[in-house]
Amino acid sequence: QQKSEAEGKWHRVQVTNVQLTSYYTGFKEIMDLRTLWQQKQGK
């Protein structure tokens, strides 16, 4: 990341908490679900 982006993220992680984990956590859970759904649906 560019320095300005990283500095902004350091500020954000200080004034917020937990929310920054929502992106990856939700992404992982949806990808896991899509795999299970695809297996269930088959053809």
ModelCIF file with pLDDT and N, C-alpha, C, O atoms, coordinates in Angstrom:
data_MODEL
#
_entry.id   MODEL 
#
_entity.id                         1 
_entity.type                       polymer 
_entity.pdbx_number_of_molecules   1 
#
_entity_poly.entity_id                      1 
_entity_poly.type                           'polypeptide(L)' 
_entity_poly.nstd_linkage                   no 
_entity_poly.nstd_monomer                   no 
_entity_poly.pdbx_seq_one_letter_code       QQKSEAEGKWHRVQVTNVQLTSYYTGFKEIMDLRTLWQQKQGK 
_entity_poly.pdbx_seq_one_letter_code_can   QQKSEAEGKWHRVQVTNVQLTSYYTGFKEIMDLRTLWQQKQGK 
_entity_poly.pdbx_strand_id                 A 
#
loop_
_entity_poly_seq.entity_id 
_entity_poly_seq.num 
_entity_poly_seq.mon_id 
_entity_poly_seq.hetero 
1 1  GLN n 
1 2  GLN n 
1 3  LYS n 
1 4  SER n 
1 5  GLU n 
1 6  ALA n 
1 7  GLU n 
1 8  GLY n 
1 9  LYS n 
1 10 TRP n 
1 11 HIS n 
1 12 ARG n 
1 13 VAL n 
1 14 GLN n 
1 15 VAL n 
1 16 THR n 
1 17 ASN n 
1 18 VAL n 
1 19 GLN n 
1 20 LEU n 
1 21 THR n 
1 22 SER n 
1 23 TYR n 
1 24 TYR n 
1 25 THR n 
1 26 GLY n 
1 27 PHE n 
1 28 LYS n 
1 29 GLU n 
1 30 ILE n 
1 31 MET n 
1 32 ASP n 
1 33 LEU n 
1 34 ARG n 
1 35 THR n 
1 36 LEU n 
1 37 TRP n 
1 38 GLN n 
1 39 GLN n 
1 40 LYS n 
1 41 GLN n 
1 42 GLY n 
1 43 LYS n 
#
_struct_asym.id          A 
_struct_asym.entity_id   1 
#
loop_
_ma_qa_metric.id 
_ma_qa_metric.mode 
_ma_qa_metric.name 
_ma_qa_metric.software_group_id 
_ma_qa_metric.type 
1 global pLDDT . pLDDT 
2 local  pLDDT . pLDDT 
#
_ma_qa_metric_global.metric_id      1 
_ma_qa_metric_global.metric_value   94.37 
_ma_qa_metric_global.model_id       1 
_ma_qa_metric_global.ordinal_id     1 
#
loop_
_ma_qa_metric_local.label_asym_id 
_ma_qa_metric_local.label_comp_id 
_ma_qa_metric_local.label_seq_id 
_ma_qa_metric_local.metric_id 
_ma_qa_metric_local.metric_value 
_ma_qa_metric_local.model_id 
_ma_qa_metric_local.ordinal_id 
A GLN 1  2 89.00 1 1  
A GLN 2  2 81.00 1 2  
A LYS 3  2 85.00 1 3  
A SER 4  2 81.00 1 4  
A GLU 5  2 83.00 1 5  
A ALA 6  2 91.00 1 6  
A GLU 7  2 91.00 1 7  
A GLY 8  2 88.00 1 8  
A LYS 9  2 93.00 1 9  
A TRP 10 2 95.00 1 10 
A HIS 11 2 90.00 1 11 
A ARG 12 2 91.00 1 12 
A VAL 13 2 96.00 1 13 
A GLN 14 2 93.00 1 14 
A VAL 15 2 90.00 1 15 
A THR 16 2 92.00 1 16 
A ASN 17 2 95.00 1 17 
A VAL 18 2 97.00 1 18 
A GLN 19 2 95.00 1 19 
A LEU 20 2 97.00 1 20 
A THR 21 2 98.00 1 21 
A SER 22 2 98.00 1 22 
A TYR 23 2 97.00 1 23 
A TYR 24 2 98.00 1 24 
A THR 25 2 98.00 1 25 
A GLY 26 2 98.00 1 26 
A PHE 27 2 98.00 1 27 
A LYS 28 2 98.00 1 28 
A GLU 29 2 98.00 1 29 
A ILE 30 2 98.00 1 30 
A MET 31 2 98.00 1 31 
A ASP 32 2 97.00 1 32 
A LEU 33 2 98.00 1 33 
A ARG 34 2 98.00 1 34 
A THR 35 2 98.00 1 35 
A LEU 36 2 98.00 1 36 
A TRP 37 2 98.00 1 37 
A GLN 38 2 97.00 1 38 
A GLN 39 2 97.00 1 39 
A LYS 40 2 96.00 1 40 
A GLN 41 2 97.00 1 41 
A GLY 42 2 97.00 1 42 
A LYS 43 2 97.00 1 43 
#
loop_
_atom_site.group_PDB 
_atom_site.id 
_atom_site.type_symbol 
_atom_site.label_atom_id 
_atom_site.label_alt_id 
_atom_site.label_comp_id 
_atom_site.label_asym_id 
_atom_site.label_entity_id 
_atom_site.label_seq_id 
_atom_site.pdbx_PDB_ins_code 
_atom_site.Cartn_x 
_atom_site.Cartn_y 
_atom_site.Cartn_z 
_atom_site.occupancy 
_atom_site.B_iso_or_equiv 
_atom_site.pdbx_formal_charge 
_atom_site.auth_seq_id 
_atom_site.auth_comp_id 
_atom_site.auth_asym_id 
_atom_site.auth_atom_id 
_atom_site.pdbx_PDB_model_num 
ATOM 1   N N  . GLN A 1 1  ? 0.827   -1.200  0.000   1.00 89.00 ? 1  GLN A N  1 
ATOM 2   C CA . GLN A 1 1  ? 0.000   0.000   0.000   1.00 89.00 ? 1  GLN A CA 1 
ATOM 3   C C  . GLN A 1 1  ? 0.864   1.252   0.000   1.00 89.00 ? 1  GLN A C  1 
ATOM 4   O O  . GLN A 1 1  ? 1.990   1.256   0.496   1.00 89.00 ? 1  GLN A O  1 
ATOM 5   N N  . GLN A 1 2  ? 0.305   2.313   -0.570  1.00 81.00 ? 2  GLN A N  1 
ATOM 6   C CA . GLN A 1 2  ? 0.981   3.603   -0.530  1.00 81.00 ? 2  GLN A CA 1 
ATOM 7   C C  . GLN A 1 2  ? 1.026   4.115   0.910   1.00 81.00 ? 2  GLN A C  1 
ATOM 8   O O  . GLN A 1 2  ? 0.187   3.752   1.735   1.00 81.00 ? 2  GLN A O  1 
ATOM 9   N N  . LYS A 1 3  ? 2.002   4.952   1.196   1.00 85.00 ? 3  LYS A N  1 
ATOM 10  C CA . LYS A 1 3  ? 2.192   5.459   2.562   1.00 85.00 ? 3  LYS A CA 1 
ATOM 11  C C  . LYS A 1 3  ? 0.951   6.182   3.074   1.00 85.00 ? 3  LYS A C  1 
ATOM 12  O O  . LYS A 1 3  ? 0.576   6.012   4.234   1.00 85.00 ? 3  LYS A O  1 
ATOM 13  N N  . SER A 1 4  ? 0.304   6.993   2.220   1.00 81.00 ? 4  SER A N  1 
ATOM 14  C CA . SER A 1 4  ? -0.880  7.740   2.664   1.00 81.00 ? 4  SER A CA 1 
ATOM 15  C C  . SER A 1 4  ? -2.014  6.795   3.036   1.00 81.00 ? 4  SER A C  1 
ATOM 16  O O  . SER A 1 4  ? -2.737  7.038   4.003   1.00 81.00 ? 4  SER A O  1 
ATOM 17  N N  . GLU A 1 5  ? -2.174  5.703   2.259   1.00 83.00 ? 5  GLU A N  1 
ATOM 18  C CA . GLU A 1 5  ? -3.213  4.726   2.549   1.00 83.00 ? 5  GLU A CA 1 
ATOM 19  C C  . GLU A 1 5  ? -2.927  4.017   3.867   1.00 83.00 ? 5  GLU A C  1 
ATOM 20  O O  . GLU A 1 5  ? -3.833  3.812   4.675   1.00 83.00 ? 5  GLU A O  1 
ATOM 21  N N  . ALA A 1 6  ? -1.673  3.645   4.082   1.00 91.00 ? 6  ALA A N  1 
ATOM 22  C CA . ALA A 1 6  ? -1.281  2.943   5.303   1.00 91.00 ? 6  ALA A CA 1 
ATOM 23  C C  . ALA A 1 6  ? -1.451  3.839   6.539   1.00 91.00 ? 6  ALA A C  1 
ATOM 24  O O  . ALA A 1 6  ? -1.905  3.380   7.588   1.00 91.00 ? 6  ALA A O  1 
ATOM 25  N N  . GLU A 1 7  ? -1.091  5.089   6.406   1.00 91.00 ? 7  GLU A N  1 
ATOM 26  C CA . GLU A 1 7  ? -1.268  6.028   7.529   1.00 91.00 ? 7  GLU A CA 1 
ATOM 27  C C  . GLU A 1 7  ? -2.750  6.172   7.858   1.00 91.00 ? 7  GLU A C  1 
ATOM 28  O O  . GLU A 1 7  ? -3.130  6.215   9.028   1.00 91.00 ? 7  GLU A O  1 
ATOM 29  N N  . GLY A 1 8  ? -3.580  6.247   6.827   1.00 88.00 ? 8  GLY A N  1 
ATOM 30  C CA . GLY A 1 8  ? -5.021  6.346   7.051   1.00 88.00 ? 8  GLY A CA 1 
ATOM 31  C C  . GLY A 1 8  ? -5.582  5.117   7.731   1.00 88.00 ? 8  GLY A C  1 
ATOM 32  O O  . GLY A 1 8  ? -6.468  5.219   8.579   1.00 88.00 ? 8  GLY A O  1 
ATOM 33  N N  . LYS A 1 9  ? -5.062  3.941   7.359   1.00 93.00 ? 9  LYS A N  1 
ATOM 34  C CA . LYS A 1 9  ? -5.536  2.695   7.961   1.00 93.00 ? 9  LYS A CA 1 
ATOM 35  C C  . LYS A 1 9  ? -5.078  2.585   9.416   1.00 93.00 ? 9  LYS A C  1 
ATOM 36  O O  . LYS A 1 9  ? -5.810  2.067   10.259  1.00 93.00 ? 9  LYS A O  1 
ATOM 37  N N  . TRP A 1 10 ? -3.871  3.072   9.712   1.00 95.00 ? 10 TRP A N  1 
ATOM 38  C CA . TRP A 1 10 ? -3.401  3.074   11.105  1.00 95.00 ? 10 TRP A CA 1 
ATOM 39  C C  . TRP A 1 10 ? -4.314  3.954   11.962  1.00 95.00 ? 10 TRP A C  1 
ATOM 40  O O  . TRP A 1 10 ? -4.642  3.602   13.095  1.00 95.00 ? 10 TRP A O  1 
ATOM 41  N N  . HIS A 1 11 ? -4.717  5.092   11.415  1.00 90.00 ? 11 HIS A N  1 
ATOM 42  C CA . HIS A 1 11 ? -5.656  5.964   12.135  1.00 90.00 ? 11 HIS A CA 1 
ATOM 43  C C  . HIS A 1 11 ? -6.983  5.240   12.335  1.00 90.00 ? 11 HIS A C  1 
ATOM 44  O O  . HIS A 1 11 ? -7.575  5.288   13.412  1.00 90.00 ? 11 HIS A O  1 
ATOM 45  N N  . ARG A 1 12 ? -7.434  4.575   11.288  1.00 91.00 ? 12 ARG A N  1 
ATOM 46  C CA . ARG A 1 12 ? -8.744  3.906   11.348  1.00 91.00 ? 12 ARG A CA 1 
ATOM 47  C C  . ARG A 1 12 ? -8.760  2.780   12.377  1.00 91.00 ? 12 ARG A C  1 
ATOM 48  O O  . ARG A 1 12 ? -9.747  2.611   13.093  1.00 91.00 ? 12 ARG A O  1 
ATOM 49  N N  . VAL A 1 13 ? -7.673  2.007   12.458  1.00 96.00 ? 13 VAL A N  1 
ATOM 50  C CA . VAL A 1 13 ? -7.654  0.884   13.392  1.00 96.00 ? 13 VAL A CA 1 
ATOM 51  C C  . VAL A 1 13 ? -7.587  1.369   14.839  1.00 96.00 ? 13 VAL A C  1 
ATOM 52  O O  . VAL A 1 13 ? -7.894  0.617   15.765  1.00 96.00 ? 13 VAL A O  1 
ATOM 53  N N  . GLN A 1 14 ? -7.187  2.620   15.029  1.00 93.00 ? 14 GLN A N  1 
ATOM 54  C CA . GLN A 1 14 ? -7.180  3.179   16.377  1.00 93.00 ? 14 GLN A CA 1 
ATOM 55  C C  . GLN A 1 14 ? -8.559  3.684   16.794  1.00 93.00 ? 14 GLN A C  1 
ATOM 56  O O  . GLN A 1 14 ? -8.950  3.542   17.953  1.00 93.00 ? 14 GLN A O  1 
ATOM 57  N N  . VAL A 1 15 ? -9.297  4.275   15.847  1.00 90.00 ? 15 VAL A N  1 
ATOM 58  C CA . VAL A 1 15 ? -10.594 4.868   16.200  1.00 90.00 ? 15 VAL A CA 1 
ATOM 59  C C  . VAL A 1 15 ? -11.762 3.917   15.972  1.00 90.00 ? 15 VAL A C  1 
ATOM 60  O O  . VAL A 1 15 ? -12.892 4.230   16.349  1.00 90.00 ? 15 VAL A O  1 
ATOM 61  N N  . THR A 1 16 ? -11.507 2.744   15.355  1.00 92.00 ? 16 THR A N  1 
ATOM 62  C CA . THR A 1 16 ? -12.544 1.717   15.213  1.00 92.00 ? 16 THR A CA 1 
ATOM 63  C C  . THR A 1 16 ? -11.966 0.397   15.717  1.00 92.00 ? 16 THR A C  1 
ATOM 64  O O  . THR A 1 16 ? -10.754 0.274   15.897  1.00 92.00 ? 16 THR A O  1 
ATOM 65  N N  . ASN A 1 17 ? -12.816 -0.569  15.939  1.00 95.00 ? 17 ASN A N  1 
ATOM 66  C CA . ASN A 1 17 ? -12.344 -1.905  16.287  1.00 95.00 ? 17 ASN A CA 1 
ATOM 67  C C  . ASN A 1 17 ? -13.357 -2.940  15.818  1.00 95.00 ? 17 ASN A C  1 
ATOM 68  O O  . ASN A 1 17 ? -14.557 -2.669  15.758  1.00 95.00 ? 17 ASN A O  1 
ATOM 69  N N  . VAL A 1 18 ? -12.863 -4.122  15.487  1.00 97.00 ? 18 VAL A N  1 
ATOM 70  C CA . VAL A 1 18 ? -13.626 -5.279  15.025  1.00 97.00 ? 18 VAL A CA 1 
ATOM 71  C C  . VAL A 1 18 ? -14.128 -5.097  13.579  1.00 97.00 ? 18 VAL A C  1 
ATOM 72  O O  . VAL A 1 18 ? -14.047 -6.035  12.786  1.00 97.00 ? 18 VAL A O  1 
ATOM 73  N N  . GLN A 1 19 ? -14.638 -3.922  13.230  1.00 95.00 ? 19 GLN A N  1 
ATOM 74  C CA . GLN A 1 19 ? -15.254 -3.726  11.913  1.00 95.00 ? 19 GLN A CA 1 
ATOM 75  C C  . GLN A 1 19 ? -14.316 -4.093  10.765  1.00 95.00 ? 19 GLN A C  1 
ATOM 76  O O  . GLN A 1 19 ? -14.762 -4.618  9.745   1.00 95.00 ? 19 GLN A O  1 
ATOM 77  N N  . LEU A 1 20 ? -13.032 -3.823  10.924  1.00 97.00 ? 20 LEU A N  1 
ATOM 78  C CA . LEU A 1 20 ? -12.088 -4.107  9.848   1.00 97.00 ? 20 LEU A CA 1 
ATOM 79  C C  . LEU A 1 20 ? -11.963 -5.599  9.549   1.00 97.00 ? 20 LEU A C  1 
ATOM 80  O O  . LEU A 1 20 ? -11.467 -5.974  8.487   1.00 97.00 ? 20 LEU A O  1 
ATOM 81  N N  . THR A 1 21 ? -12.403 -6.451  10.468  1.00 98.00 ? 21 THR A N  1 
ATOM 82  C CA . THR A 1 21 ? -12.356 -7.895  10.212  1.00 98.00 ? 21 THR A CA 1 
ATOM 83  C C  . THR A 1 21 ? -13.558 -8.370  9.397   1.00 98.00 ? 21 THR A C  1 
ATOM 84  O O  . THR A 1 21 ? -13.566 -9.498  8.904   1.00 98.00 ? 21 THR A O  1 
ATOM 85  N N  . SER A 1 22 ? -14.562 -7.524  9.254   1.00 98.00 ? 22 SER A N  1 
ATOM 86  C CA . SER A 1 22 ? -15.804 -7.952  8.612   1.00 98.00 ? 22 SER A CA 1 
ATOM 87  C C  . SER A 1 22 ? -15.594 -8.303  7.140   1.00 98.00 ? 22 SER A C  1 
ATOM 88  O O  . SER A 1 22 ? -16.263 -9.196  6.618   1.00 98.00 ? 22 SER A O  1 
ATOM 89  N N  . TYR A 1 23 ? -14.673 -7.612  6.465   1.00 97.00 ? 23 TYR A N  1 
ATOM 90  C CA . TYR A 1 23 ? -14.459 -7.819  5.032   1.00 97.00 ? 23 TYR A CA 1 
ATOM 91  C C  . TYR A 1 23 ? -13.993 -9.249  4.744   1.00 97.00 ? 23 TYR A C  1 
ATOM 92  O O  . TYR A 1 23 ? -14.609 -9.974  3.962   1.00 97.00 ? 23 TYR A O  1 
ATOM 93  N N  . TYR A 1 24 ? -12.898 -9.633  5.391   1.00 98.00 ? 24 TYR A N  1 
ATOM 94  C CA . TYR A 1 24 ? -12.352 -10.958 5.115   1.00 98.00 ? 24 TYR A CA 1 
ATOM 95  C C  . TYR A 1 24 ? -13.232 -12.063 5.704   1.00 98.00 ? 24 TYR A C  1 
ATOM 96  O O  . TYR A 1 24 ? -13.434 -13.099 5.070   1.00 98.00 ? 24 TYR A O  1 
ATOM 97  N N  . THR A 1 25 ? -13.753 -11.847 6.906   1.00 98.00 ? 25 THR A N  1 
ATOM 98  C CA . THR A 1 25 ? -14.584 -12.879 7.533   1.00 98.00 ? 25 THR A CA 1 
ATOM 99  C C  . THR A 1 25 ? -15.801 -13.193 6.669   1.00 98.00 ? 25 THR A C  1 
ATOM 100 O O  . THR A 1 25 ? -16.095 -14.359 6.407   1.00 98.00 ? 25 THR A O  1 
ATOM 101 N N  . GLY A 1 26 ? -16.509 -12.155 6.228   1.00 98.00 ? 26 GLY A N  1 
ATOM 102 C CA . GLY A 1 26 ? -17.679 -12.364 5.373   1.00 98.00 ? 26 GLY A CA 1 
ATOM 103 C C  . GLY A 1 26 ? -17.309 -13.007 4.050   1.00 98.00 ? 26 GLY A C  1 
ATOM 104 O O  . GLY A 1 26 ? -18.014 -13.893 3.567   1.00 98.00 ? 26 GLY A O  1 
ATOM 105 N N  . PHE A 1 27 ? -16.209 -12.565 3.462   1.00 98.00 ? 27 PHE A N  1 
ATOM 106 C CA . PHE A 1 27 ? -15.724 -13.124 2.198   1.00 98.00 ? 27 PHE A CA 1 
ATOM 107 C C  . PHE A 1 27 ? -15.448 -14.620 2.341   1.00 98.00 ? 27 PHE A C  1 
ATOM 108 O O  . PHE A 1 27 ? -15.875 -15.414 1.503   1.00 98.00 ? 27 PHE A O  1 
ATOM 109 N N  . LYS A 1 28 ? -14.739 -15.002 3.393   1.00 98.00 ? 28 LYS A N  1 
ATOM 110 C CA . LYS A 1 28 ? -14.411 -16.414 3.607   1.00 98.00 ? 28 LYS A CA 1 
ATOM 111 C C  . LYS A 1 28 ? -15.679 -17.240 3.788   1.00 98.00 ? 28 LYS A C  1 
ATOM 112 O O  . LYS A 1 28 ? -15.802 -18.328 3.225   1.00 98.00 ? 28 LYS A O  1 
ATOM 113 N N  . GLU A 1 29 ? -16.617 -16.725 4.569   1.00 98.00 ? 29 GLU A N  1 
ATOM 114 C CA . GLU A 1 29 ? -17.838 -17.486 4.834   1.00 98.00 ? 29 GLU A CA 1 
ATOM 115 C C  . GLU A 1 29 ? -18.676 -17.650 3.572   1.00 98.00 ? 29 GLU A C  1 
ATOM 116 O O  . GLU A 1 29 ? -19.270 -18.707 3.359   1.00 98.00 ? 29 GLU A O  1 
ATOM 117 N N  . ILE A 1 30 ? -18.733 -16.613 2.728   1.00 98.00 ? 30 ILE A N  1 
ATOM 118 C CA . ILE A 1 30 ? -19.508 -16.713 1.486   1.00 98.00 ? 30 ILE A CA 1 
ATOM 119 C C  . ILE A 1 30 ? -18.841 -17.677 0.510   1.00 98.00 ? 30 ILE A C  1 
ATOM 120 O O  . ILE A 1 30 ? -19.524 -18.467 -0.141  1.00 98.00 ? 30 ILE A O  1 
ATOM 121 N N  . MET A 1 31 ? -17.529 -17.621 0.404   1.00 98.00 ? 31 MET A N  1 
ATOM 122 C CA . MET A 1 31 ? -16.821 -18.552 -0.482  1.00 98.00 ? 31 MET A CA 1 
ATOM 123 C C  . MET A 1 31 ? -17.004 -19.994 -0.016  1.00 98.00 ? 31 MET A C  1 
ATOM 124 O O  . MET A 1 31 ? -17.205 -20.897 -0.827  1.00 98.00 ? 31 MET A O  1 
ATOM 125 N N  . ASP A 1 32 ? -16.932 -20.201 1.307   1.00 97.00 ? 32 ASP A N  1 
ATOM 126 C CA . ASP A 1 32 ? -17.172 -21.546 1.854   1.00 97.00 ? 32 ASP A CA 1 
ATOM 127 C C  . ASP A 1 32 ? -18.591 -22.022 1.519   1.00 97.00 ? 32 ASP A C  1 
ATOM 128 O O  . ASP A 1 32 ? -18.797 -23.173 1.133   1.00 97.00 ? 32 ASP A O  1 
ATOM 129 N N  . LEU A 1 33 ? -19.559 -21.117 1.672   1.00 98.00 ? 33 LEU A N  1 
ATOM 130 C CA . LEU A 1 33 ? -20.950 -21.466 1.400   1.00 98.00 ? 33 LEU A CA 1 
ATOM 131 C C  . LEU A 1 33 ? -21.162 -21.766 -0.074  1.00 98.00 ? 33 LEU A C  1 
ATOM 132 O O  . LEU A 1 33 ? -21.876 -22.708 -0.418  1.00 98.00 ? 33 LEU A O  1 
ATOM 133 N N  . ARG A 1 34 ? -20.550 -20.976 -0.946  1.00 98.00 ? 34 ARG A N  1 
ATOM 134 C CA . ARG A 1 34 ? -20.727 -21.214 -2.391  1.00 98.00 ? 34 ARG A CA 1 
ATOM 135 C C  . ARG A 1 34 ? -20.214 -22.603 -2.778  1.00 98.00 ? 34 ARG A C  1 
ATOM 136 O O  . ARG A 1 34 ? -20.818 -23.289 -3.602  1.00 98.00 ? 34 ARG A O  1 
ATOM 137 N N  . THR A 1 35 ? -19.101 -23.005 -2.179  1.00 98.00 ? 35 THR A N  1 
ATOM 138 C CA . THR A 1 35 ? -18.563 -24.337 -2.461  1.00 98.00 ? 35 THR A CA 1 
ATOM 139 C C  . THR A 1 35 ? -19.540 -25.426 -2.022  1.00 98.00 ? 35 THR A C  1 
ATOM 140 O O  . THR A 1 35 ? -19.784 -26.387 -2.751  1.00 98.00 ? 35 THR A O  1 
ATOM 141 N N  . LEU A 1 36 ? -20.097 -25.262 -0.816  1.00 98.00 ? 36 LEU A N  1 
ATOM 142 C CA . LEU A 1 36 ? -21.073 -26.242 -0.317  1.00 98.00 ? 36 LEU A CA 1 
ATOM 143 C C  . LEU A 1 36 ? -22.332 -26.262 -1.176  1.00 98.00 ? 36 LEU A C  1 
ATOM 144 O O  . LEU A 1 36 ? -22.869 -27.332 -1.462  1.00 98.00 ? 36 LEU A O  1 
ATOM 145 N N  . TRP A 1 37 ? -22.806 -25.087 -1.590  1.00 98.00 ? 37 TRP A N  1 
ATOM 146 C CA . TRP A 1 37 ? -24.008 -24.982 -2.420  1.00 98.00 ? 37 TRP A CA 1 
ATOM 147 C C  . TRP A 1 37 ? -23.781 -25.632 -3.784  1.00 98.00 ? 37 TRP A C  1 
ATOM 148 O O  . TRP A 1 37 ? -24.661 -26.311 -4.314  1.00 98.00 ? 37 TRP A O  1 
ATOM 149 N N  . GLN A 1 38 ? -22.597 -25.416 -4.339  1.00 97.00 ? 38 GLN A N  1 
ATOM 150 C CA . GLN A 1 38 ? -22.276 -25.990 -5.643  1.00 97.00 ? 38 GLN A CA 1 
ATOM 151 C C  . GLN A 1 38 ? -22.255 -27.523 -5.560  1.00 97.00 ? 38 GLN A C  1 
ATOM 152 O O  . GLN A 1 38 ? -22.733 -28.208 -6.464  1.00 97.00 ? 38 GLN A O  1 
ATOM 153 N N  . GLN A 1 39 ? -21.697 -28.046 -4.471  1.00 97.00 ? 39 GLN A N  1 
ATOM 154 C CA . GLN A 1 39 ? -21.675 -29.490 -4.271  1.00 97.00 ? 39 GLN A CA 1 
ATOM 155 C C  . GLN A 1 39 ? -23.087 -30.053 -4.142  1.00 97.00 ? 39 GLN A C  1 
ATOM 156 O O  . GLN A 1 39 ? -23.391 -31.123 -4.670  1.00 97.00 ? 39 GLN A O  1 
ATOM 157 N N  . LYS A 1 40 ? -23.941 -29.321 -3.436  1.00 96.00 ? 40 LYS A N  1 
ATOM 158 C CA . LYS A 1 40 ? -25.315 -29.771 -3.229  1.00 96.00 ? 40 LYS A CA 1 
ATOM 159 C C  . LYS A 1 40 ? -26.117 -29.729 -4.533  1.00 96.00 ? 40 LYS A C  1 
ATOM 160 O O  . LYS A 1 40 ? -26.915 -30.628 -4.799  1.00 96.00 ? 40 LYS A O  1 
ATOM 161 N N  . GLN A 1 41 ? -25.907 -28.693 -5.340  1.00 97.00 ? 41 GLN A N  1 
ATOM 162 C CA . GLN A 1 41 ? -26.678 -28.531 -6.578  1.00 97.00 ? 41 GLN A CA 1 
ATOM 163 C C  . GLN A 1 41 ? -26.188 -29.427 -7.714  1.00 97.00 ? 41 GLN A C  1 
ATOM 164 O O  . GLN A 1 41 ? -26.963 -29.824 -8.583  1.00 97.00 ? 41 GLN A O  1 
ATOM 165 N N  . GLY A 1 42 ? -24.886 -29.742 -7.695  1.00 97.00 ? 42 GLY A N  1 
ATOM 166 C CA . GLY A 1 42 ? -24.345 -30.601 -8.749  1.00 97.00 ? 42 GLY A CA 1 
ATOM 167 C C  . GLY A 1 42 ? -24.500 -29.990 -10.126 1.00 97.00 ? 42 GLY A C  1 
ATOM 168 O O  . GLY A 1 42 ? -24.105 -28.845 -10.346 1.00 97.00 ? 42 GLY A O  1 
ATOM 169 N N  . LYS A 1 43 ? -25.073 -30.744 -11.059 1.00 97.00 ? 43 LYS A N  1 
ATOM 170 C CA . LYS A 1 43 ? -25.235 -30.286 -12.446 1.00 97.00 ? 43 LYS A CA 1 
ATOM 171 C C  . LYS A 1 43 ? -26.212 -29.120 -12.559 1.00 97.00 ? 43 LYS A C  1 
ATOM 172 O O  . LYS A 1 43 ? -26.455 -28.622 -13.659 1.00 97.00 ? 43 LYS A O  1 
#
